[in-house]
Amino acid sequence: MQTIQWTLSVLIVIFLVLSLYFSVRYRREAEPKQRGLYSARMNICMGLMLVVIAISQLFFFEDSATRRIFGTVCLLLGLFNLFAGIRNHNLFSRK
């Protein structure tokens, strides 16, 4: 159990760093196609990070209503970001 929580924590940090990296690259890029790809990658990483946060909140801590609500909101936002990022990445990859 401890190993799974530790792995989830490492994944959260990795996805956070990747989100920040793609955010910086997005803001510095001048070409619209590359900006779109970096933005999509940032959304994918942010979505994965939110899904991992939701999993850790919903399954690995003591149960409370606040934790369930927070975990559910993170899961929904994460899935939306993941879906939008994949859709946008496919769109900008074809151009």
N, C-alpha and C. Protein backbone atom coordinates (compact mmCIF):
# COMPACT_ATOMS: atom_id res chain seq x y z
N MET A 1 0.83 -1.19 0.00
CA MET A 1 0.00 0.00 0.00
C MET A 1 0.87 1.26 0.00
N GLN A 2 1.90 1.24 0.82
CA GLN A 2 2.81 2.39 0.90
C GLN A 2 3.53 2.62 -0.43
N THR A 3 3.88 1.53 -1.10
CA THR A 3 4.58 1.64 -2.38
C THR A 3 3.68 2.28 -3.45
N ILE A 4 2.41 1.92 -3.44
CA ILE A 4 1.48 2.50 -4.41
C ILE A 4 1.31 3.99 -4.17
N GLN A 5 1.16 4.40 -2.92
CA GLN A 5 1.04 5.83 -2.60
C GLN A 5 2.30 6.59 -3.01
N TRP A 6 3.44 6.02 -2.79
CA TRP A 6 4.72 6.64 -3.15
C TRP A 6 4.81 6.76 -4.66
N THR A 7 4.41 5.73 -5.39
CA THR A 7 4.43 5.77 -6.85
C THR A 7 3.47 6.84 -7.37
N LEU A 8 2.29 6.94 -6.80
CA LEU A 8 1.34 7.96 -7.22
C LEU A 8 1.88 9.36 -6.95
N SER A 9 2.56 9.54 -5.83
CA SER A 9 3.16 10.84 -5.52
C SER A 9 4.23 11.21 -6.54
N VAL A 10 5.04 10.25 -6.92
CA VAL A 10 6.08 10.50 -7.92
C VAL A 10 5.44 10.84 -9.27
N LEU A 11 4.38 10.11 -9.64
CA LEU A 11 3.68 10.40 -10.89
C LEU A 11 3.08 11.81 -10.90
N ILE A 12 2.53 12.23 -9.77
CA ILE A 12 1.97 13.58 -9.68
C ILE A 12 3.05 14.62 -9.93
N VAL A 13 4.20 14.43 -9.33
CA VAL A 13 5.31 15.39 -9.51
C VAL A 13 5.79 15.38 -10.96
N ILE A 14 5.91 14.19 -11.55
CA ILE A 14 6.37 14.10 -12.95
C ILE A 14 5.40 14.83 -13.88
N PHE A 15 4.10 14.57 -13.72
CA PHE A 15 3.11 15.23 -14.57
C PHE A 15 3.06 16.74 -14.32
N LEU A 16 3.29 17.16 -13.09
CA LEU A 16 3.35 18.59 -12.79
C LEU A 16 4.51 19.25 -13.51
N VAL A 17 5.68 18.62 -13.45
CA VAL A 17 6.87 19.17 -14.12
C VAL A 17 6.66 19.22 -15.63
N LEU A 18 6.08 18.16 -16.20
CA LEU A 18 5.82 18.15 -17.64
C LEU A 18 4.79 19.21 -18.03
N SER A 19 3.78 19.42 -17.20
CA SER A 19 2.80 20.47 -17.48
C SER A 19 3.45 21.84 -17.49
N LEU A 20 4.30 22.09 -16.51
CA LEU A 20 5.01 23.37 -16.46
C LEU A 20 5.94 23.54 -17.65
N TYR A 21 6.64 22.46 -18.03
CA TYR A 21 7.55 22.51 -19.17
C TYR A 21 6.80 22.87 -20.45
N PHE A 22 5.69 22.17 -20.72
CA PHE A 22 4.92 22.44 -21.94
C PHE A 22 4.25 23.81 -21.88
N SER A 23 3.92 24.28 -20.69
CA SER A 23 3.34 25.61 -20.55
C SER A 23 4.35 26.69 -20.94
N VAL A 24 5.58 26.53 -20.47
CA VAL A 24 6.64 27.49 -20.82
C VAL A 24 6.92 27.44 -22.32
N ARG A 25 7.01 26.23 -22.87
CA ARG A 25 7.27 26.09 -24.30
C ARG A 25 6.13 26.70 -25.13
N TYR A 26 4.91 26.52 -24.68
CA TYR A 26 3.74 27.09 -25.36
C TYR A 26 3.82 28.61 -25.39
N ARG A 27 4.18 29.22 -24.28
CA ARG A 27 4.21 30.68 -24.20
C ARG A 27 5.36 31.28 -24.99
N ARG A 28 6.44 30.54 -25.20
CA ARG A 28 7.60 31.07 -25.92
C ARG A 28 7.56 30.79 -27.42
N GLU A 29 6.69 29.91 -27.86
CA GLU A 29 6.64 29.51 -29.26
C GLU A 29 5.86 30.53 -30.07
N ALA A 30 6.37 30.85 -31.27
CA ALA A 30 5.72 31.82 -32.14
C ALA A 30 4.84 31.15 -33.20
N GLU A 31 5.22 29.95 -33.63
CA GLU A 31 4.48 29.25 -34.68
C GLU A 31 3.18 28.67 -34.12
N PRO A 32 2.05 28.96 -34.77
CA PRO A 32 0.74 28.52 -34.24
C PRO A 32 0.60 27.00 -34.11
N LYS A 33 1.11 26.24 -35.08
CA LYS A 33 0.98 24.78 -35.01
C LYS A 33 1.72 24.21 -33.80
N GLN A 34 2.93 24.67 -33.57
CA GLN A 34 3.71 24.22 -32.42
C GLN A 34 3.07 24.67 -31.11
N ARG A 35 2.53 25.89 -31.11
CA ARG A 35 1.83 26.36 -29.90
C ARG A 35 0.66 25.45 -29.57
N GLY A 36 -0.08 25.05 -30.59
CA GLY A 36 -1.21 24.16 -30.38
C GLY A 36 -0.77 22.80 -29.85
N LEU A 37 0.32 22.27 -30.39
CA LEU A 37 0.83 20.98 -29.92
C LEU A 37 1.30 21.06 -28.47
N TYR A 38 2.01 22.13 -28.13
CA TYR A 38 2.46 22.28 -26.74
C TYR A 38 1.29 22.46 -25.78
N SER A 39 0.29 23.21 -26.23
CA SER A 39 -0.90 23.39 -25.40
C SER A 39 -1.63 22.06 -25.19
N ALA A 40 -1.73 21.26 -26.24
CA ALA A 40 -2.39 19.97 -26.13
C ALA A 40 -1.62 19.04 -25.20
N ARG A 41 -0.30 19.03 -25.32
CA ARG A 41 0.52 18.19 -24.44
C ARG A 41 0.41 18.64 -23.00
N MET A 42 0.33 19.95 -22.79
CA MET A 42 0.15 20.47 -21.44
C MET A 42 -1.19 19.99 -20.86
N ASN A 43 -2.25 20.03 -21.67
CA ASN A 43 -3.56 19.56 -21.22
C ASN A 43 -3.55 18.07 -20.91
N ILE A 44 -2.86 17.28 -21.73
CA ILE A 44 -2.77 15.84 -21.48
C ILE A 44 -2.07 15.59 -20.15
N CYS A 45 -0.93 16.24 -19.93
CA CYS A 45 -0.19 16.04 -18.67
C CYS A 45 -0.99 16.51 -17.47
N MET A 46 -1.67 17.66 -17.62
CA MET A 46 -2.49 18.17 -16.52
C MET A 46 -3.66 17.24 -16.24
N GLY A 47 -4.25 16.70 -17.28
CA GLY A 47 -5.35 15.76 -17.10
C GLY A 47 -4.90 14.49 -16.39
N LEU A 48 -3.75 13.96 -16.79
CA LEU A 48 -3.22 12.77 -16.13
C LEU A 48 -2.89 13.05 -14.66
N MET A 49 -2.33 14.24 -14.41
CA MET A 49 -2.01 14.62 -13.03
C MET A 49 -3.28 14.68 -12.18
N LEU A 50 -4.33 15.27 -12.71
CA LEU A 50 -5.57 15.37 -11.95
C LEU A 50 -6.22 14.01 -11.73
N VAL A 51 -6.11 13.12 -12.71
CA VAL A 51 -6.66 11.77 -12.54
C VAL A 51 -5.89 11.03 -11.46
N VAL A 52 -4.57 11.16 -11.44
CA VAL A 52 -3.76 10.49 -10.40
C VAL A 52 -4.07 11.07 -9.02
N ILE A 53 -4.25 12.39 -8.94
CA ILE A 53 -4.64 13.01 -7.67
C ILE A 53 -5.99 12.46 -7.21
N ALA A 54 -6.93 12.34 -8.15
CA ALA A 54 -8.26 11.81 -7.80
C ALA A 54 -8.16 10.37 -7.31
N ILE A 55 -7.36 9.56 -7.97
CA ILE A 55 -7.19 8.17 -7.53
C ILE A 55 -6.62 8.12 -6.12
N SER A 56 -5.62 8.95 -5.87
CA SER A 56 -5.03 8.93 -4.52
C SER A 56 -6.01 9.43 -3.47
N GLN A 57 -6.83 10.40 -3.80
CA GLN A 57 -7.79 10.93 -2.84
C GLN A 57 -8.94 9.96 -2.58
N LEU A 58 -9.38 9.29 -3.63
CA LEU A 58 -10.56 8.43 -3.49
C LEU A 58 -10.25 7.07 -2.88
N PHE A 59 -9.02 6.57 -3.04
CA PHE A 59 -8.76 5.20 -2.64
C PHE A 59 -7.74 5.01 -1.53
N PHE A 60 -6.90 6.00 -1.26
CA PHE A 60 -5.79 5.74 -0.36
C PHE A 60 -5.75 6.58 0.91
N PHE A 61 -6.79 7.30 1.20
CA PHE A 61 -6.85 8.07 2.43
C PHE A 61 -8.15 7.75 3.15
N GLU A 62 -8.25 8.18 4.40
CA GLU A 62 -9.49 7.91 5.14
C GLU A 62 -10.66 8.59 4.45
N ASP A 63 -11.80 7.94 4.53
CA ASP A 63 -12.97 8.36 3.80
C ASP A 63 -13.67 9.52 4.49
N SER A 64 -13.99 10.56 3.72
CA SER A 64 -14.82 11.66 4.20
C SER A 64 -15.57 12.24 3.00
N ALA A 65 -16.62 12.96 3.27
CA ALA A 65 -17.43 13.54 2.19
C ALA A 65 -16.63 14.58 1.41
N THR A 66 -15.85 15.38 2.11
CA THR A 66 -15.04 16.40 1.45
C THR A 66 -14.02 15.78 0.51
N ARG A 67 -13.38 14.71 0.97
CA ARG A 67 -12.38 14.03 0.15
C ARG A 67 -13.02 13.39 -1.08
N ARG A 68 -14.21 12.83 -0.92
CA ARG A 68 -14.91 12.25 -2.07
C ARG A 68 -15.30 13.31 -3.09
N ILE A 69 -15.81 14.44 -2.61
CA ILE A 69 -16.19 15.52 -3.52
C ILE A 69 -14.96 16.05 -4.25
N PHE A 70 -13.88 16.30 -3.52
CA PHE A 70 -12.65 16.79 -4.13
C PHE A 70 -12.11 15.79 -5.15
N GLY A 71 -12.10 14.52 -4.79
CA GLY A 71 -11.61 13.49 -5.71
C GLY A 71 -12.46 13.38 -6.96
N THR A 72 -13.77 13.49 -6.80
CA THR A 72 -14.66 13.41 -7.95
C THR A 72 -14.48 14.60 -8.87
N VAL A 73 -14.34 15.80 -8.30
CA VAL A 73 -14.12 16.99 -9.12
C VAL A 73 -12.78 16.88 -9.87
N CYS A 74 -11.74 16.44 -9.19
CA CYS A 74 -10.43 16.26 -9.84
C CYS A 74 -10.52 15.23 -10.96
N LEU A 75 -11.26 14.15 -10.73
CA LEU A 75 -11.41 13.12 -11.75
C LEU A 75 -12.12 13.66 -12.98
N LEU A 76 -13.20 14.39 -12.77
CA LEU A 76 -13.95 14.94 -13.91
C LEU A 76 -13.13 15.97 -14.68
N LEU A 77 -12.46 16.87 -13.96
CA LEU A 77 -11.61 17.86 -14.62
C LEU A 77 -10.45 17.19 -15.35
N GLY A 78 -9.87 16.18 -14.73
CA GLY A 78 -8.76 15.47 -15.35
C GLY A 78 -9.18 14.76 -16.62
N LEU A 79 -10.31 14.08 -16.58
CA LEU A 79 -10.79 13.39 -17.78
C LEU A 79 -11.13 14.37 -18.89
N PHE A 80 -11.71 15.52 -18.53
CA PHE A 80 -12.01 16.54 -19.53
C PHE A 80 -10.72 17.07 -20.16
N ASN A 81 -9.72 17.40 -19.33
CA ASN A 81 -8.44 17.89 -19.86
C ASN A 81 -7.77 16.85 -20.73
N LEU A 82 -7.80 15.61 -20.30
CA LEU A 82 -7.19 14.52 -21.07
C LEU A 82 -7.88 14.37 -22.42
N PHE A 83 -9.21 14.36 -22.43
CA PHE A 83 -9.95 14.25 -23.68
C PHE A 83 -9.67 15.44 -24.61
N ALA A 84 -9.72 16.66 -24.06
CA ALA A 84 -9.48 17.85 -24.88
C ALA A 84 -8.05 17.87 -25.40
N GLY A 85 -7.08 17.47 -24.58
CA GLY A 85 -5.69 17.45 -25.01
C GLY A 85 -5.46 16.45 -26.13
N ILE A 86 -6.02 15.26 -26.01
CA ILE A 86 -5.86 14.25 -27.07
C ILE A 86 -6.52 14.71 -28.36
N ARG A 87 -7.72 15.27 -28.23
CA ARG A 87 -8.42 15.77 -29.42
C ARG A 87 -7.63 16.89 -30.11
N ASN A 88 -7.12 17.84 -29.33
CA ASN A 88 -6.35 18.94 -29.90
C ASN A 88 -5.01 18.47 -30.46
N HIS A 89 -4.39 17.50 -29.81
CA HIS A 89 -3.12 16.98 -30.31
C HIS A 89 -3.33 16.32 -31.67
N ASN A 90 -4.41 15.54 -31.81
CA ASN A 90 -4.71 14.94 -33.11
C ASN A 90 -5.00 16.00 -34.16
N LEU A 91 -5.71 17.06 -33.77
CA LEU A 91 -6.04 18.13 -34.70
C LEU A 91 -4.77 18.85 -35.17
N PHE A 92 -3.88 19.23 -34.26
CA PHE A 92 -2.69 19.98 -34.65
C PHE A 92 -1.60 19.09 -35.27
N SER A 93 -1.65 17.81 -35.05
CA SER A 93 -0.68 16.91 -35.67
C SER A 93 -0.95 16.73 -37.16
N ARG A 94 -2.18 16.85 -37.55
CA ARG A 94 -2.56 16.65 -38.96
C ARG A 94 -2.24 17.83 -39.84
N LYS A 95 -2.16 19.02 -39.32
CA LYS A 95 -1.96 20.23 -40.13
C LYS A 95 -0.63 20.23 -40.82
